[in-house]
N, C-alpha and C. Protein backbone atom coordinates (compact mmCIF):
# COMPACT_ATOMS: atom_id res chain seq x y z
N MET A 1 -98.22 32.00 55.59
CA MET A 1 -98.08 30.56 55.64
C MET A 1 -99.27 30.00 56.41
N THR A 2 -99.74 28.87 55.97
CA THR A 2 -100.83 28.18 56.66
C THR A 2 -100.25 27.09 57.55
N TYR A 3 -100.96 26.82 58.65
CA TYR A 3 -100.51 25.82 59.61
C TYR A 3 -101.67 24.88 59.93
N GLU A 4 -101.36 23.59 59.95
CA GLU A 4 -102.36 22.57 60.30
C GLU A 4 -101.77 21.61 61.31
N LEU A 5 -102.63 21.15 62.18
CA LEU A 5 -102.30 20.03 63.06
C LEU A 5 -103.19 18.89 62.60
N ARG A 6 -102.59 17.83 62.11
CA ARG A 6 -103.35 16.68 61.62
C ARG A 6 -103.31 15.58 62.68
N VAL A 7 -104.51 15.11 63.03
CA VAL A 7 -104.65 14.11 64.09
C VAL A 7 -105.65 13.04 63.69
N ILE A 8 -105.66 11.95 64.46
CA ILE A 8 -106.67 10.91 64.29
C ILE A 8 -107.63 10.98 65.47
N PRO A 9 -108.84 10.43 65.33
CA PRO A 9 -109.79 10.43 66.45
C PRO A 9 -109.17 9.77 67.68
N ASP A 10 -109.45 10.34 68.82
CA ASP A 10 -109.00 9.80 70.11
C ASP A 10 -107.49 9.78 70.28
N CYS A 11 -106.76 10.57 69.53
CA CYS A 11 -105.32 10.66 69.71
C CYS A 11 -105.04 11.22 71.11
N PRO A 12 -104.27 10.51 71.93
CA PRO A 12 -104.03 10.98 73.29
C PRO A 12 -103.18 12.24 73.36
N ASN A 13 -102.55 12.62 72.25
CA ASN A 13 -101.68 13.79 72.25
C ASN A 13 -102.26 15.01 71.53
N SER A 14 -103.51 14.93 71.08
CA SER A 14 -104.08 16.01 70.27
C SER A 14 -104.10 17.36 70.99
N ILE A 15 -104.60 17.39 72.20
CA ILE A 15 -104.72 18.66 72.92
C ILE A 15 -103.34 19.22 73.25
N ALA A 16 -102.46 18.37 73.75
CA ALA A 16 -101.11 18.81 74.08
C ALA A 16 -100.37 19.26 72.82
N ALA A 17 -100.61 18.59 71.69
CA ALA A 17 -99.95 18.96 70.43
C ALA A 17 -100.41 20.33 69.96
N LEU A 18 -101.69 20.62 70.10
CA LEU A 18 -102.19 21.93 69.70
C LEU A 18 -101.57 23.03 70.56
N GLU A 19 -101.50 22.81 71.85
CA GLU A 19 -100.88 23.80 72.75
C GLU A 19 -99.39 23.96 72.42
N LEU A 20 -98.71 22.87 72.17
CA LEU A 20 -97.29 22.92 71.80
C LEU A 20 -97.10 23.71 70.51
N PHE A 21 -97.93 23.45 69.52
CA PHE A 21 -97.86 24.15 68.23
C PHE A 21 -98.07 25.64 68.45
N ARG A 22 -99.06 26.01 69.25
CA ARG A 22 -99.32 27.43 69.53
C ARG A 22 -98.11 28.08 70.20
N ARG A 23 -97.53 27.41 71.20
CA ARG A 23 -96.37 27.97 71.91
C ARG A 23 -95.18 28.12 70.96
N ALA A 24 -94.95 27.12 70.13
CA ALA A 24 -93.81 27.17 69.21
C ALA A 24 -93.98 28.31 68.19
N LEU A 25 -95.17 28.46 67.65
CA LEU A 25 -95.42 29.55 66.71
C LEU A 25 -95.29 30.91 67.39
N ALA A 26 -95.79 31.03 68.60
CA ALA A 26 -95.67 32.29 69.34
C ALA A 26 -94.20 32.61 69.62
N ALA A 27 -93.43 31.62 69.99
CA ALA A 27 -92.01 31.82 70.27
C ALA A 27 -91.24 32.24 69.01
N GLU A 28 -91.74 31.83 67.87
CA GLU A 28 -91.13 32.21 66.59
C GLU A 28 -91.76 33.49 66.03
N SER A 29 -92.54 34.18 66.86
CA SER A 29 -93.21 35.44 66.48
C SER A 29 -94.13 35.27 65.29
N THR A 30 -94.78 34.12 65.23
CA THR A 30 -95.75 33.83 64.18
C THR A 30 -97.11 33.67 64.84
N GLY A 31 -97.93 34.68 64.76
CA GLY A 31 -99.23 34.62 65.40
C GLY A 31 -100.30 34.03 64.50
N ALA A 32 -99.95 33.01 63.77
CA ALA A 32 -100.86 32.43 62.79
C ALA A 32 -101.89 31.52 63.44
N ASP A 33 -103.00 31.37 62.76
CA ASP A 33 -104.03 30.41 63.19
C ASP A 33 -103.59 29.00 62.80
N ILE A 34 -104.05 28.05 63.59
CA ILE A 34 -103.77 26.64 63.32
C ILE A 34 -105.09 25.95 63.02
N ARG A 35 -105.16 25.32 61.89
CA ARG A 35 -106.35 24.54 61.52
C ARG A 35 -106.13 23.11 61.98
N VAL A 36 -107.06 22.56 62.73
CA VAL A 36 -106.98 21.17 63.17
C VAL A 36 -107.76 20.31 62.19
N VAL A 37 -107.10 19.30 61.64
CA VAL A 37 -107.70 18.39 60.67
C VAL A 37 -107.69 16.99 61.26
N GLU A 38 -108.88 16.41 61.41
CA GLU A 38 -108.99 15.05 61.94
C GLU A 38 -109.18 14.08 60.78
N LEU A 39 -108.27 13.14 60.65
CA LEU A 39 -108.34 12.12 59.60
C LEU A 39 -108.97 10.87 60.17
N SER A 40 -109.88 10.27 59.41
CA SER A 40 -110.62 9.13 59.95
C SER A 40 -110.55 7.88 59.07
N ASN A 41 -109.83 7.95 57.94
CA ASN A 41 -109.72 6.73 57.12
C ASN A 41 -108.39 6.71 56.37
N GLU A 42 -108.04 5.52 55.89
CA GLU A 42 -106.75 5.33 55.21
C GLU A 42 -106.66 6.12 53.91
N GLU A 43 -107.79 6.33 53.24
CA GLU A 43 -107.77 7.11 52.00
C GLU A 43 -107.32 8.54 52.27
N GLN A 44 -107.81 9.13 53.37
CA GLN A 44 -107.37 10.47 53.74
C GLN A 44 -105.88 10.47 54.07
N ALA A 45 -105.45 9.46 54.82
CA ALA A 45 -104.03 9.37 55.18
C ALA A 45 -103.16 9.31 53.93
N GLU A 46 -103.57 8.53 52.97
CA GLU A 46 -102.82 8.40 51.72
C GLU A 46 -102.82 9.71 50.94
N SER A 47 -103.98 10.33 50.79
CA SER A 47 -104.06 11.55 49.98
C SER A 47 -103.32 12.73 50.60
N LEU A 48 -103.22 12.75 51.93
CA LEU A 48 -102.51 13.85 52.61
C LEU A 48 -101.09 13.47 53.00
N ASN A 49 -100.64 12.27 52.59
CA ASN A 49 -99.30 11.80 52.94
C ASN A 49 -99.08 11.91 54.46
N PHE A 50 -100.04 11.38 55.19
CA PHE A 50 -100.10 11.47 56.66
C PHE A 50 -99.31 10.33 57.29
N HIS A 51 -98.38 10.69 58.17
CA HIS A 51 -97.49 9.70 58.78
C HIS A 51 -97.75 9.50 60.27
N GLY A 52 -98.93 9.83 60.72
CA GLY A 52 -99.28 9.57 62.10
C GLY A 52 -99.69 10.82 62.85
N SER A 53 -100.35 10.57 63.96
CA SER A 53 -100.93 11.63 64.78
C SER A 53 -100.13 11.81 66.06
N PRO A 54 -99.78 13.05 66.34
CA PRO A 54 -100.06 14.29 65.62
C PRO A 54 -98.98 14.60 64.57
N SER A 55 -99.39 15.28 63.50
CA SER A 55 -98.46 15.76 62.48
C SER A 55 -98.59 17.27 62.39
N PHE A 56 -97.45 17.94 62.34
CA PHE A 56 -97.38 19.40 62.32
C PHE A 56 -97.08 19.83 60.89
N ILE A 57 -98.00 20.62 60.32
CA ILE A 57 -97.92 20.99 58.90
C ILE A 57 -97.74 22.50 58.77
N ALA A 58 -96.78 22.90 57.94
CA ALA A 58 -96.55 24.31 57.62
C ALA A 58 -96.54 24.43 56.11
N GLY A 59 -97.46 25.25 55.59
CA GLY A 59 -97.51 25.43 54.14
C GLY A 59 -97.75 24.14 53.38
N ASP A 60 -98.56 23.25 53.92
CA ASP A 60 -98.92 21.97 53.30
C ASP A 60 -97.79 20.94 53.33
N ARG A 61 -96.75 21.17 54.16
CA ARG A 61 -95.66 20.20 54.29
C ARG A 61 -95.47 19.81 55.75
N ASP A 62 -95.27 18.54 55.96
CA ASP A 62 -94.97 18.03 57.30
C ASP A 62 -93.61 18.57 57.71
N VAL A 63 -93.52 19.25 58.85
CA VAL A 63 -92.24 19.83 59.26
C VAL A 63 -91.27 18.77 59.79
N PHE A 64 -91.77 17.56 60.00
CA PHE A 64 -90.93 16.42 60.37
C PHE A 64 -91.10 15.36 59.27
N PRO A 65 -90.43 15.53 58.13
CA PRO A 65 -90.60 14.60 57.01
C PRO A 65 -90.34 13.16 57.43
N SER A 66 -91.06 12.26 56.80
CA SER A 66 -90.95 10.84 57.12
C SER A 66 -90.88 10.03 55.83
N THR A 67 -90.13 8.95 55.89
CA THR A 67 -90.08 8.03 54.75
C THR A 67 -91.03 6.85 54.94
N ALA A 68 -91.71 6.82 56.07
CA ALA A 68 -92.67 5.74 56.34
C ALA A 68 -93.87 5.86 55.40
N ALA A 69 -94.53 4.76 55.18
CA ALA A 69 -95.74 4.77 54.36
C ALA A 69 -96.84 5.53 55.10
N PRO A 70 -97.67 6.28 54.37
CA PRO A 70 -98.80 6.95 55.02
C PRO A 70 -99.68 5.94 55.75
N ALA A 71 -100.16 6.33 56.93
CA ALA A 71 -101.00 5.42 57.72
C ALA A 71 -101.78 6.18 58.77
N LEU A 72 -102.92 5.64 59.11
CA LEU A 72 -103.77 6.18 60.17
C LEU A 72 -103.30 5.55 61.48
N THR A 73 -102.35 6.20 62.14
CA THR A 73 -101.70 5.63 63.31
C THR A 73 -101.21 6.73 64.24
N CYS A 74 -100.76 6.35 65.41
CA CYS A 74 -100.10 7.28 66.31
C CYS A 74 -98.68 7.49 65.80
N ARG A 75 -98.11 8.61 66.16
CA ARG A 75 -96.76 8.95 65.71
C ARG A 75 -95.85 9.10 66.92
N VAL A 76 -94.60 8.75 66.76
CA VAL A 76 -93.62 8.98 67.81
C VAL A 76 -92.51 9.87 67.27
N TYR A 77 -91.93 10.64 68.16
CA TYR A 77 -90.87 11.57 67.83
C TYR A 77 -89.64 11.25 68.65
N GLN A 78 -88.47 11.38 68.04
CA GLN A 78 -87.22 11.22 68.76
C GLN A 78 -86.94 12.53 69.50
N THR A 79 -86.77 12.45 70.81
CA THR A 79 -86.44 13.62 71.61
C THR A 79 -85.15 13.34 72.38
N GLU A 80 -84.63 14.34 73.05
CA GLU A 80 -83.43 14.15 73.87
C GLU A 80 -83.67 13.11 74.96
N ALA A 81 -84.91 12.97 75.40
CA ALA A 81 -85.26 12.02 76.46
C ALA A 81 -85.64 10.64 75.90
N GLY A 82 -85.62 10.48 74.59
CA GLY A 82 -86.01 9.22 73.96
C GLY A 82 -87.27 9.41 73.12
N LEU A 83 -87.92 8.31 72.78
CA LEU A 83 -89.13 8.39 71.96
C LEU A 83 -90.29 8.95 72.77
N ALA A 84 -91.10 9.79 72.11
CA ALA A 84 -92.23 10.43 72.79
C ALA A 84 -93.35 10.68 71.79
N GLY A 85 -94.54 10.91 72.31
CA GLY A 85 -95.70 11.18 71.48
C GLY A 85 -95.73 12.57 70.89
N LEU A 86 -94.82 13.44 71.36
CA LEU A 86 -94.71 14.81 70.86
C LEU A 86 -93.24 15.17 70.71
N PRO A 87 -92.92 16.05 69.77
CA PRO A 87 -91.55 16.56 69.72
C PRO A 87 -91.35 17.56 70.86
N SER A 88 -90.13 17.90 71.14
CA SER A 88 -89.88 18.97 72.11
C SER A 88 -90.24 20.30 71.45
N GLN A 89 -90.51 21.31 72.26
CA GLN A 89 -90.80 22.62 71.69
C GLN A 89 -89.58 23.13 70.92
N LYS A 90 -88.40 22.89 71.44
CA LYS A 90 -87.16 23.30 70.76
C LYS A 90 -87.07 22.67 69.37
N ASP A 91 -87.34 21.37 69.27
CA ASP A 91 -87.28 20.69 67.98
C ASP A 91 -88.37 21.18 67.03
N LEU A 92 -89.56 21.44 67.55
CA LEU A 92 -90.65 21.94 66.71
C LEU A 92 -90.31 23.33 66.18
N GLN A 93 -89.77 24.19 67.03
CA GLN A 93 -89.39 25.52 66.58
C GLN A 93 -88.31 25.44 65.49
N ALA A 94 -87.32 24.58 65.68
CA ALA A 94 -86.27 24.42 64.67
C ALA A 94 -86.86 23.92 63.36
N ALA A 95 -87.79 22.98 63.43
CA ALA A 95 -88.44 22.45 62.23
C ALA A 95 -89.26 23.53 61.53
N LEU A 96 -89.93 24.37 62.30
CA LEU A 96 -90.71 25.46 61.71
C LEU A 96 -89.80 26.47 61.02
N ARG A 97 -88.66 26.77 61.63
CA ARG A 97 -87.70 27.70 61.01
C ARG A 97 -87.16 27.14 59.71
N SER A 98 -87.03 25.83 59.62
CA SER A 98 -86.49 25.17 58.43
C SER A 98 -87.53 24.94 57.34
N ALA A 99 -88.79 25.10 57.68
CA ALA A 99 -89.87 24.84 56.71
C ALA A 99 -89.79 25.83 55.55
N PRO A 100 -89.94 25.33 54.32
CA PRO A 100 -89.95 26.24 53.17
C PRO A 100 -91.06 27.28 53.33
N ARG A 101 -90.76 28.51 53.02
CA ARG A 101 -91.73 29.59 53.15
C ARG A 101 -92.65 29.62 51.94
N THR A 102 -93.94 29.41 52.21
CA THR A 102 -94.95 29.52 51.16
C THR A 102 -96.08 30.36 51.71
N SER A 103 -96.96 30.80 50.86
CA SER A 103 -98.09 31.60 51.34
C SER A 103 -99.32 30.76 51.50
C-alpha cells in the first residue's frame, strides 16, 4: 500500500502531521514510506479530491472521507477534545485499519 501526506504551503500542521502519520503506521506494524505531496493550486486540489491540509492518504484514498468540495485550505478534525488541526493518533490508526487494502 502507498501512503501520502497531502499538504498546502505553510500549513502549520505539516511537520506534526508527518510525525503523527509515521507513529500511526509504526503502531500498526506498517513500516511503509510516506510521500509528502504539496498542493499549490485549486486545479491540483480538484484533481486529487483534496479536502484540506493535512490529508492522510492510503492507497490513493483519503482515510478521513469528506463530502466537502475540494479546496486548497486548512483542514480540521473532530477529536475527543473538540476540533483540531490533526486527528488523534488513535483515530488515525483506526482509519488506517479501515482503509481498503490496495497495492
